[in-house]
C-alpha atoms as a PDB file:
ATOM      1  CA  MET A   1     -10.924  -0.685  -4.304  1.00  0.00           C
ATOM      2  CA  MET A   2     -11.045  -0.484  -0.764  1.00  0.00           C
ATOM      3  CA  LYS A   3     -14.769   1.053  -0.116  1.00  0.00           C
ATOM      4  CA  GLY A   4     -15.799  -1.940  -2.794  1.00  0.00           C
ATOM      5  CA  PHE A   5     -14.258  -4.877  -0.452  1.00  0.00           C
ATOM      6  CA  MET A   6     -16.127  -3.032   2.895  1.00  0.00           C
ATOM      7  CA  ARG A   7     -19.328  -3.200   0.777  1.00  0.00           C
ATOM      8  CA  ALA A   8     -18.400  -6.650   0.154  1.00  0.00           C
ATOM      9  CA  LEU A   9     -18.095  -7.832   3.441  1.00  0.00           C
ATOM     10  CA  PHE A  10     -21.898  -7.602   4.039  1.00  0.00           C
ATOM     11  CA  ASN A  11     -23.549  -8.371   0.408  1.00  0.00           C
ATOM     12  CA  PRO A  12     -25.667 -11.559   0.745  1.00  0.00           C
ATOM     13  CA  LYS A  13     -24.585 -12.871  -2.247  1.00  0.00           C
ATOM     14  CA  LEU A  14     -21.195 -13.494  -0.276  1.00  0.00           C
ATOM     15  CA  THR A  15     -21.721 -13.810   3.034  1.00  0.00           C
ATOM     16  CA  SER A  16     -23.395 -17.288   2.610  1.00  0.00           C
ATOM     17  CA  THR A  17     -20.110 -18.964   1.132  1.00  0.00           C
ATOM     18  CA  ALA A  18     -18.257 -16.709   3.360  1.00  0.00           C
ATOM     19  CA  LEU A  19     -19.732 -18.085   6.707  1.00  0.00           C
ATOM     20  CA  ARG A  20     -19.478 -21.525   6.006  1.00  0.00           C
ATOM     21  CA  VAL A  21     -15.845 -21.153   4.952  1.00  0.00           C
ATOM     22  CA  SER A  22     -15.031 -19.243   8.274  1.00  0.00           C
ATOM     23  CA  LEU A  23     -16.940 -21.730  10.217  1.00  0.00           C
ATOM     24  CA  VAL A  24     -15.123 -25.178   8.876  1.00  0.00           C
ATOM     25  CA  VAL A  25     -11.330 -22.789   8.568  1.00  0.00           C
ATOM     26  CA  GLY A  26     -12.011 -21.052  11.866  1.00  0.00           C
ATOM     27  CA  SER A  27     -12.788 -23.886  13.580  1.00  0.00           C
ATOM     28  CA  VAL A  28      -9.815 -25.962  12.371  1.00  0.00           C
ATOM     29  CA  LEU A  29      -8.046 -22.798  13.276  1.00  0.00           C
ATOM     30  CA  PHE A  30      -8.989 -22.541  16.773  1.00  0.00           C
ATOM     31  CA  ALA A  31      -8.619 -25.798  17.690  1.00  0.00           C
ATOM     32  CA  ILE A  32      -5.046 -25.885  17.096  1.00  0.00           C
ATOM     33  CA  ASN A  33      -4.395 -22.749  18.688  1.00  0.00           C
ATOM     34  CA  HIS A  34      -6.737 -22.820  21.237  1.00  0.00           C
ATOM     35  CA  GLY A  35      -8.060 -26.478  21.646  1.00  0.00           C
ATOM     36  CA  VAL A  36      -5.785 -27.067  24.912  1.00  0.00           C
ATOM     37  CA  ALA A  37      -6.550 -24.148  26.985  1.00  0.00           C
ATOM     38  CA  LEU A  38     -10.254 -24.882  26.037  1.00  0.00           C
ATOM     39  CA  THR A  39      -9.980 -28.513  26.982  1.00  0.00           C
ATOM     40  CA  LYS A  40      -7.932 -27.761  30.474  1.00  0.00           C
ATOM     41  CA  GLY A  41     -10.301 -24.539  30.867  1.00  0.00           C
ATOM     42  CA  GLU A  42      -7.487 -21.851  30.791  1.00  0.00           C
ATOM     43  CA  MET A  43      -9.561 -19.777  28.059  1.00  0.00           C
ATOM     44  CA  THR A  44      -9.132 -16.254  29.227  1.00  0.00           C
ATOM     45  CA  ARG A  45     -10.582 -12.885  27.689  1.00  0.00           C
ATOM     46  CA  ASN A  46      -7.565 -12.365  25.748  1.00  0.00           C
ATOM     47  CA  ARG A  47      -7.930 -16.357  24.184  1.00  0.00           C
ATOM     48  CA  TRP A  48     -11.524 -16.195  23.804  1.00  0.00           C
ATOM     49  CA  LEU A  49     -10.889 -12.539  21.480  1.00  0.00           C
ATOM     50  CA  SER A  50      -7.909 -14.032  19.971  1.00  0.00           C
ATOM     51  CA  GLY A  51     -10.131 -16.949  19.079  1.00  0.00           C
ATOM     52  CA  LEU A  52     -13.268 -14.088  17.373  1.00  0.00           C
ATOM     53  CA  ILE A  53     -10.358 -13.098  14.737  1.00  0.00           C
ATOM     54  CA  THR A  54      -9.625 -16.464  14.013  1.00  0.00           C
ATOM     55  CA  TYR A  55     -13.159 -16.838  12.722  1.00  0.00           C
ATOM     56  CA  LEU A  56     -12.777 -13.253  11.472  1.00  0.00           C
ATOM     57  CA  VAL A  57      -9.707 -13.803   8.949  1.00  0.00           C
ATOM     58  CA  PRO A  58     -11.115 -16.767   6.732  1.00  0.00           C
ATOM     59  CA  TYR A  59     -14.455 -14.820   6.566  1.00  0.00           C
ATOM     60  CA  SER A  60     -12.787 -11.574   5.223  1.00  0.00           C
ATOM     61  CA  VAL A  61     -10.348 -14.116   3.089  1.00  0.00           C
ATOM     62  CA  SER A  62     -13.136 -15.484   1.563  1.00  0.00           C
ATOM     63  CA  ILE A  63     -15.204 -12.561   0.706  1.00  0.00           C
ATOM     64  CA  HIS A  64     -12.184 -10.921  -0.679  1.00  0.00           C
ATOM     65  CA  GLY A  65     -11.730 -13.763  -3.195  1.00  0.00           C
ATOM     66  CA  GLN A  66     -15.316 -14.067  -3.918  1.00  0.00           C
ATOM     67  CA  HIS A  67     -15.273  -9.800  -4.331  1.00  0.00           C
ATOM     68  CA  THR A  68     -11.638 -10.291  -6.362  1.00  0.00           C
ATOM     69  CA  GLY A  69     -12.865 -12.980  -8.596  1.00  0.00           C
ATOM     70  CA  ARG A  70     -16.655 -10.811  -9.410  1.00  0.00           C
ATOM     71  CA  SER A  71     -14.670  -7.677  -9.867  1.00  0.00           C
ATOM     72  CA  ARG A  72     -12.286  -9.147 -12.805  1.00  0.00           C
ATOM     73  CA  ASN A  73     -15.181 -11.184 -14.207  1.00  0.00           C
ATOM     74  CA  SER A  74     -17.257  -8.010 -14.598  1.00  0.00           C
ATOM     75  CA  ILE A  75     -14.110  -6.026 -16.171  1.00  0.00           C
ATOM     76  CA  GLU A  76     -13.331  -9.248 -18.832  1.00  0.00           C
ATOM     77  CA  ASN A  77     -17.231  -9.480 -20.006  1.00  0.00           C
END
């Protein structure tokens, strides 16, 4: 299961949707978590790293959902 998910992270059939989800959801989360620091010029190296992770989480969740859905559909059919 984990090996399949790791391959799915870079599957071109899944990445397009995951990138869009990541951009929208990640941007909202980034604004919530780091918006004030960004506007005040208080972004540190650690905050930028945290900001990057903010985009990776929705990407991973989207890939997981797509991968799981496709796996279940192939089992059922």
